[in-house]
Amino acid sequence: MGKLFSRILKRTIAKESEGMPLSSIERRSSQRIHLQIPMFVRGVDTAGVDFLDLTKTLDISATGAYLASPRSLRVDQLLNLTIPAPPSPSATVPSETPPIQARVKRHSASGGIYLLGVQFVKPLD
């Protein structure tokens, strides 16, 4: 993920967690925040066909995300996630972030949308 986005995400997580100790039920390895971020998801579907979908996060942390997807995926499936960037007249600004590898850890269906819990292969820095 881009370093600027990673720094903004860390600051947001720090602000939301100030003075908020984790409950005994919440044992995540990193604080999650409810933030909708558009994302491209690239992978291979259950039929073995390559796909590229535009989706969004429902929440995100340094170690994973919860995504709303138009596609059912299998647990342990490896995905590449990228965040689109607005078009820029400058050649120095990329049109999207470098891919983030993630693995599907859980999934469920809700009204024609698939909810995917993914864990990043490498935590965001």
N, C-alpha and C. Protein backbone atom coordinates (compact mmCIF):
# COMPACT_ATOMS: atom_id res chain seq x y z
N MET A 1 0.87 -1.16 0.00
CA MET A 1 0.00 0.00 0.00
C MET A 1 0.91 1.22 0.00
N GLY A 2 0.46 2.30 -0.58
CA GLY A 2 1.27 3.50 -0.63
C GLY A 2 1.62 4.00 0.76
N LYS A 3 2.82 4.51 0.91
CA LYS A 3 3.28 4.96 2.23
C LYS A 3 2.41 6.07 2.79
N LEU A 4 1.95 6.99 1.95
CA LEU A 4 1.10 8.07 2.41
C LEU A 4 -0.21 7.52 2.97
N PHE A 5 -0.85 6.61 2.22
CA PHE A 5 -2.10 6.02 2.69
C PHE A 5 -1.87 5.25 3.99
N SER A 6 -0.78 4.51 4.05
CA SER A 6 -0.46 3.74 5.26
C SER A 6 -0.29 4.66 6.47
N ARG A 7 0.38 5.80 6.28
CA ARG A 7 0.55 6.76 7.39
C ARG A 7 -0.79 7.34 7.82
N ILE A 8 -1.66 7.68 6.86
CA ILE A 8 -2.98 8.22 7.19
C ILE A 8 -3.80 7.19 7.94
N LEU A 9 -3.76 5.94 7.49
CA LEU A 9 -4.50 4.87 8.16
C LEU A 9 -4.00 4.68 9.59
N LYS A 10 -2.69 4.69 9.79
CA LYS A 10 -2.14 4.54 11.15
C LYS A 10 -2.59 5.68 12.06
N ARG A 11 -2.55 6.93 11.54
CA ARG A 11 -2.98 8.07 12.35
C ARG A 11 -4.45 7.96 12.71
N THR A 12 -5.27 7.54 11.76
CA THR A 12 -6.71 7.40 12.01
C THR A 12 -6.96 6.34 13.06
N ILE A 13 -6.27 5.20 12.96
CA ILE A 13 -6.43 4.12 13.94
C ILE A 13 -6.00 4.62 15.32
N ALA A 14 -4.88 5.34 15.39
CA ALA A 14 -4.40 5.85 16.68
C ALA A 14 -5.40 6.81 17.31
N LYS A 15 -5.98 7.70 16.51
CA LYS A 15 -6.96 8.66 17.04
C LYS A 15 -8.20 7.95 17.54
N GLU A 16 -8.67 6.93 16.80
CA GLU A 16 -9.89 6.23 17.21
C GLU A 16 -9.67 5.39 18.45
N SER A 17 -8.44 4.92 18.68
CA SER A 17 -8.21 4.03 19.80
C SER A 17 -7.71 4.74 21.06
N GLU A 18 -7.49 6.06 21.00
CA GLU A 18 -7.02 6.80 22.18
C GLU A 18 -8.01 6.65 23.32
N GLY A 19 -7.52 6.18 24.45
CA GLY A 19 -8.37 6.06 25.62
C GLY A 19 -9.41 4.97 25.52
N MET A 20 -9.30 4.08 24.55
CA MET A 20 -10.27 3.01 24.39
C MET A 20 -9.58 1.67 24.53
N PRO A 21 -9.52 1.10 25.78
CA PRO A 21 -8.87 -0.19 25.93
C PRO A 21 -9.67 -1.29 25.22
N LEU A 22 -8.99 -2.30 24.73
CA LEU A 22 -9.67 -3.40 24.06
C LEU A 22 -10.46 -4.20 25.08
N SER A 23 -11.68 -4.56 24.77
CA SER A 23 -12.49 -5.38 25.66
C SER A 23 -11.94 -6.80 25.66
N SER A 24 -12.40 -7.60 26.59
CA SER A 24 -11.93 -8.97 26.65
C SER A 24 -12.40 -9.77 25.44
N ILE A 25 -13.47 -9.30 24.77
CA ILE A 25 -13.97 -9.98 23.59
C ILE A 25 -13.15 -9.60 22.36
N GLU A 26 -12.72 -8.34 22.26
CA GLU A 26 -11.96 -7.84 21.12
C GLU A 26 -10.49 -8.19 21.29
N ARG A 27 -10.02 -9.20 20.57
CA ARG A 27 -8.64 -9.64 20.72
C ARG A 27 -7.89 -9.60 19.40
N ARG A 28 -8.26 -8.70 18.57
CA ARG A 28 -7.60 -8.59 17.28
C ARG A 28 -6.16 -8.14 17.47
N SER A 29 -5.32 -8.52 16.50
CA SER A 29 -3.91 -8.14 16.61
C SER A 29 -3.69 -6.67 16.29
N SER A 30 -4.67 -6.04 15.64
CA SER A 30 -4.57 -4.60 15.39
C SER A 30 -5.97 -4.00 15.38
N GLN A 31 -6.06 -2.74 15.77
CA GLN A 31 -7.34 -2.03 15.85
C GLN A 31 -7.93 -1.87 14.46
N ARG A 32 -9.21 -2.15 14.31
CA ARG A 32 -9.84 -1.95 13.02
C ARG A 32 -10.67 -0.67 13.05
N ILE A 33 -10.82 -0.06 11.88
CA ILE A 33 -11.63 1.15 11.79
C ILE A 33 -12.68 0.93 10.69
N HIS A 34 -13.84 1.50 10.89
CA HIS A 34 -14.91 1.42 9.90
C HIS A 34 -14.66 2.51 8.87
N LEU A 35 -14.17 2.10 7.72
CA LEU A 35 -13.76 3.03 6.69
C LEU A 35 -14.02 2.39 5.33
N GLN A 36 -14.77 3.06 4.48
CA GLN A 36 -15.04 2.55 3.15
C GLN A 36 -14.00 3.09 2.18
N ILE A 37 -13.25 2.16 1.61
CA ILE A 37 -12.20 2.49 0.65
C ILE A 37 -12.47 1.69 -0.62
N PRO A 38 -12.57 2.34 -1.77
CA PRO A 38 -12.74 1.56 -3.00
C PRO A 38 -11.48 0.73 -3.26
N MET A 39 -11.67 -0.48 -3.75
CA MET A 39 -10.54 -1.38 -4.00
C MET A 39 -10.80 -2.25 -5.21
N PHE A 40 -9.76 -2.48 -5.97
CA PHE A 40 -9.82 -3.49 -7.01
C PHE A 40 -9.36 -4.80 -6.39
N VAL A 41 -10.12 -5.87 -6.65
CA VAL A 41 -9.76 -7.21 -6.19
C VAL A 41 -9.49 -8.05 -7.42
N ARG A 42 -8.31 -8.63 -7.46
CA ARG A 42 -7.91 -9.48 -8.60
C ARG A 42 -7.62 -10.87 -8.07
N GLY A 43 -8.13 -11.87 -8.80
CA GLY A 43 -7.88 -13.25 -8.41
C GLY A 43 -8.43 -14.21 -9.44
N VAL A 44 -8.65 -15.45 -9.00
CA VAL A 44 -9.22 -16.49 -9.84
C VAL A 44 -10.46 -16.99 -9.12
N ASP A 45 -11.62 -17.00 -9.81
CA ASP A 45 -12.87 -17.41 -9.16
C ASP A 45 -12.95 -18.93 -9.01
N THR A 46 -14.04 -19.41 -8.44
CA THR A 46 -14.20 -20.84 -8.16
C THR A 46 -14.26 -21.68 -9.44
N ALA A 47 -14.56 -21.05 -10.59
CA ALA A 47 -14.57 -21.76 -11.87
C ALA A 47 -13.20 -21.73 -12.55
N GLY A 48 -12.20 -21.09 -11.92
CA GLY A 48 -10.86 -21.02 -12.48
C GLY A 48 -10.65 -19.88 -13.46
N VAL A 49 -11.57 -18.91 -13.46
CA VAL A 49 -11.49 -17.78 -14.39
C VAL A 49 -10.89 -16.56 -13.68
N ASP A 50 -9.90 -15.90 -14.33
CA ASP A 50 -9.33 -14.66 -13.77
C ASP A 50 -10.40 -13.58 -13.71
N PHE A 51 -10.36 -12.77 -12.66
CA PHE A 51 -11.32 -11.68 -12.55
C PHE A 51 -10.65 -10.45 -11.96
N LEU A 52 -11.28 -9.32 -12.20
CA LEU A 52 -10.90 -8.03 -11.60
C LEU A 52 -12.21 -7.33 -11.26
N ASP A 53 -12.49 -7.15 -9.97
CA ASP A 53 -13.72 -6.52 -9.50
C ASP A 53 -13.41 -5.24 -8.75
N LEU A 54 -14.28 -4.26 -8.89
CA LEU A 54 -14.22 -3.07 -8.05
C LEU A 54 -15.13 -3.32 -6.86
N THR A 55 -14.61 -3.18 -5.67
CA THR A 55 -15.35 -3.43 -4.44
C THR A 55 -15.02 -2.33 -3.45
N LYS A 56 -15.38 -2.52 -2.18
CA LYS A 56 -15.02 -1.53 -1.16
C LYS A 56 -14.83 -2.23 0.18
N THR A 57 -14.05 -1.60 1.04
CA THR A 57 -13.89 -2.13 2.39
C THR A 57 -15.07 -1.67 3.23
N LEU A 58 -15.43 -2.48 4.22
CA LEU A 58 -16.41 -2.07 5.22
C LEU A 58 -15.67 -1.67 6.49
N ASP A 59 -14.56 -2.34 6.75
CA ASP A 59 -13.62 -1.91 7.77
C ASP A 59 -12.24 -2.44 7.39
N ILE A 60 -11.22 -1.85 8.02
CA ILE A 60 -9.84 -2.18 7.66
C ILE A 60 -8.95 -2.01 8.88
N SER A 61 -7.87 -2.78 8.92
CA SER A 61 -6.86 -2.65 9.98
C SER A 61 -5.50 -2.84 9.33
N ALA A 62 -4.46 -2.84 10.12
CA ALA A 62 -3.12 -3.04 9.59
C ALA A 62 -2.90 -4.48 9.13
N THR A 63 -3.76 -5.41 9.57
CA THR A 63 -3.55 -6.82 9.24
C THR A 63 -4.61 -7.43 8.33
N GLY A 64 -5.68 -6.68 8.03
CA GLY A 64 -6.71 -7.24 7.17
C GLY A 64 -7.84 -6.28 6.89
N ALA A 65 -8.88 -6.78 6.23
CA ALA A 65 -10.02 -5.94 5.86
C ALA A 65 -11.27 -6.81 5.73
N TYR A 66 -12.41 -6.14 5.79
CA TYR A 66 -13.70 -6.77 5.57
C TYR A 66 -14.25 -6.11 4.31
N LEU A 67 -14.49 -6.90 3.27
CA LEU A 67 -14.87 -6.38 1.95
C LEU A 67 -16.28 -6.78 1.56
N ALA A 68 -16.94 -5.92 0.81
CA ALA A 68 -18.21 -6.26 0.16
C ALA A 68 -17.87 -6.54 -1.29
N SER A 69 -18.18 -7.75 -1.76
CA SER A 69 -17.77 -8.17 -3.09
C SER A 69 -18.95 -8.71 -3.88
N PRO A 70 -18.94 -8.55 -5.20
CA PRO A 70 -20.01 -9.13 -6.03
C PRO A 70 -19.78 -10.61 -6.31
N ARG A 71 -18.66 -11.17 -5.80
CA ARG A 71 -18.25 -12.52 -6.18
C ARG A 71 -18.00 -13.39 -4.95
N SER A 72 -18.46 -14.63 -5.02
CA SER A 72 -18.18 -15.61 -3.96
C SER A 72 -16.77 -16.15 -4.17
N LEU A 73 -15.99 -16.17 -3.11
CA LEU A 73 -14.62 -16.69 -3.19
C LEU A 73 -14.45 -17.76 -2.11
N ARG A 74 -13.45 -18.59 -2.27
CA ARG A 74 -13.25 -19.68 -1.31
C ARG A 74 -12.26 -19.28 -0.22
N VAL A 75 -12.43 -19.89 0.94
CA VAL A 75 -11.52 -19.65 2.06
C VAL A 75 -10.11 -20.10 1.65
N ASP A 76 -9.11 -19.35 2.07
CA ASP A 76 -7.69 -19.55 1.78
C ASP A 76 -7.28 -19.11 0.37
N GLN A 77 -8.21 -18.57 -0.40
CA GLN A 77 -7.88 -18.07 -1.73
C GLN A 77 -7.00 -16.84 -1.61
N LEU A 78 -5.98 -16.75 -2.44
CA LEU A 78 -5.06 -15.61 -2.46
C LEU A 78 -5.58 -14.56 -3.44
N LEU A 79 -5.59 -13.30 -3.00
CA LEU A 79 -6.07 -12.18 -3.81
C LEU A 79 -5.02 -11.09 -3.87
N ASN A 80 -5.13 -10.23 -4.87
CA ASN A 80 -4.33 -9.01 -4.94
C ASN A 80 -5.30 -7.83 -4.86
N LEU A 81 -5.06 -6.93 -3.92
CA LEU A 81 -5.90 -5.75 -3.71
C LEU A 81 -5.12 -4.51 -4.12
N THR A 82 -5.77 -3.61 -4.84
CA THR A 82 -5.16 -2.32 -5.16
C THR A 82 -6.19 -1.23 -4.94
N ILE A 83 -5.71 -0.07 -4.54
CA ILE A 83 -6.59 1.08 -4.30
C ILE A 83 -6.43 2.02 -5.49
N PRO A 84 -7.54 2.29 -6.20
CA PRO A 84 -7.43 3.21 -7.34
C PRO A 84 -7.15 4.63 -6.86
N ALA A 85 -6.42 5.36 -7.66
CA ALA A 85 -6.13 6.76 -7.36
C ALA A 85 -6.78 7.62 -8.44
N PRO A 86 -7.15 8.85 -8.09
CA PRO A 86 -7.74 9.72 -9.12
C PRO A 86 -6.72 10.02 -10.21
N PRO A 87 -7.20 10.25 -11.42
CA PRO A 87 -6.27 10.57 -12.51
C PRO A 87 -5.44 11.80 -12.16
N SER A 88 -4.19 11.75 -12.53
CA SER A 88 -3.30 12.86 -12.24
C SER A 88 -2.55 13.27 -13.51
N PRO A 89 -2.41 14.58 -13.72
CA PRO A 89 -1.66 15.02 -14.90
C PRO A 89 -0.16 14.76 -14.74
N SER A 90 0.26 14.47 -13.53
CA SER A 90 1.67 14.26 -13.25
C SER A 90 2.04 12.79 -13.45
N ALA A 91 3.15 12.55 -14.08
CA ALA A 91 3.63 11.18 -14.28
C ALA A 91 4.22 10.61 -12.99
N THR A 92 4.45 11.46 -11.98
CA THR A 92 5.06 10.98 -10.73
C THR A 92 4.04 10.38 -9.78
N VAL A 93 2.75 10.60 -10.02
CA VAL A 93 1.71 10.06 -9.15
C VAL A 93 1.13 8.80 -9.81
N PRO A 94 1.23 7.63 -9.15
CA PRO A 94 0.72 6.41 -9.77
C PRO A 94 -0.81 6.42 -9.85
N SER A 95 -1.37 5.64 -10.80
CA SER A 95 -2.81 5.59 -10.96
C SER A 95 -3.47 4.62 -9.97
N GLU A 96 -2.67 3.85 -9.26
CA GLU A 96 -3.18 2.98 -8.21
C GLU A 96 -2.02 2.60 -7.29
N THR A 97 -2.35 2.03 -6.13
CA THR A 97 -1.31 1.62 -5.19
C THR A 97 -0.70 0.30 -5.64
N PRO A 98 0.50 -0.02 -5.15
CA PRO A 98 1.06 -1.35 -5.43
C PRO A 98 0.12 -2.41 -4.85
N PRO A 99 0.06 -3.60 -5.45
CA PRO A 99 -0.86 -4.64 -4.95
C PRO A 99 -0.54 -5.07 -3.51
N ILE A 100 -1.60 -5.35 -2.78
CA ILE A 100 -1.50 -5.90 -1.43
C ILE A 100 -2.00 -7.32 -1.54
N GLN A 101 -1.18 -8.29 -1.17
CA GLN A 101 -1.63 -9.67 -1.20
C GLN A 101 -2.43 -9.96 0.06
N ALA A 102 -3.55 -10.66 -0.11
CA ALA A 102 -4.42 -11.00 1.01
C ALA A 102 -4.99 -12.40 0.79
N ARG A 103 -5.34 -13.03 1.91
CA ARG A 103 -5.92 -14.37 1.86
C ARG A 103 -7.32 -14.32 2.47
N VAL A 104 -8.30 -14.94 1.80
CA VAL A 104 -9.67 -14.99 2.30
C VAL A 104 -9.69 -15.89 3.54
N LYS A 105 -10.20 -15.35 4.65
CA LYS A 105 -10.29 -16.11 5.90
C LYS A 105 -11.71 -16.54 6.22
N ARG A 106 -12.68 -15.73 5.75
CA ARG A 106 -14.09 -16.09 5.96
C ARG A 106 -14.93 -15.38 4.90
N HIS A 107 -16.13 -15.93 4.68
CA HIS A 107 -17.04 -15.31 3.72
C HIS A 107 -18.47 -15.68 4.07
N SER A 108 -19.38 -14.81 3.68
CA SER A 108 -20.82 -15.05 3.84
C SER A 108 -21.55 -14.24 2.79
N ALA A 109 -22.81 -14.63 2.53
CA ALA A 109 -23.63 -13.93 1.54
C ALA A 109 -24.69 -13.12 2.25
N SER A 110 -24.99 -11.94 1.69
CA SER A 110 -26.02 -11.08 2.26
C SER A 110 -26.67 -10.29 1.12
N GLY A 111 -27.87 -10.70 0.70
CA GLY A 111 -28.61 -9.97 -0.32
C GLY A 111 -27.89 -9.82 -1.64
N GLY A 112 -27.25 -10.88 -2.12
CA GLY A 112 -26.55 -10.82 -3.41
C GLY A 112 -25.15 -10.25 -3.34
N ILE A 113 -24.72 -9.84 -2.16
CA ILE A 113 -23.35 -9.34 -1.96
C ILE A 113 -22.62 -10.36 -1.08
N TYR A 114 -21.36 -10.56 -1.36
CA TYR A 114 -20.55 -11.48 -0.56
C TYR A 114 -19.66 -10.66 0.36
N LEU A 115 -19.67 -11.01 1.63
CA LEU A 115 -18.86 -10.32 2.63
C LEU A 115 -17.63 -11.18 2.90
N LEU A 116 -16.45 -10.60 2.67
CA LEU A 116 -15.20 -11.34 2.76
C LEU A 116 -14.31 -10.78 3.85
N GLY A 117 -13.87 -11.61 4.75
CA GLY A 117 -12.85 -11.24 5.72
C GLY A 117 -11.51 -11.69 5.16
N VAL A 118 -10.61 -10.75 4.90
CA VAL A 118 -9.31 -11.10 4.33
C VAL A 118 -8.20 -10.68 5.29
N GLN A 119 -7.14 -11.46 5.28
CA GLN A 119 -5.96 -11.14 6.08
C GLN A 119 -4.82 -10.82 5.11
N PHE A 120 -4.15 -9.69 5.36
CA PHE A 120 -3.02 -9.31 4.50
C PHE A 120 -1.87 -10.28 4.73
N VAL A 121 -1.22 -10.71 3.67
CA VAL A 121 -0.09 -11.61 3.78
C VAL A 121 1.02 -10.93 4.57
N LYS A 122 1.21 -9.65 4.32
CA LYS A 122 2.21 -8.85 5.04
C LYS A 122 1.46 -7.66 5.65
N PRO A 123 1.48 -7.50 7.00
CA PRO A 123 0.79 -6.36 7.62
C PRO A 123 1.26 -5.03 7.03
N LEU A 124 0.36 -4.06 6.98
CA LEU A 124 0.72 -2.74 6.49
C LEU A 124 1.71 -2.10 7.44
N ASP A 125 2.68 -1.37 6.90
CA ASP A 125 3.66 -0.69 7.77
C ASP A 125 3.38 0.76 7.90
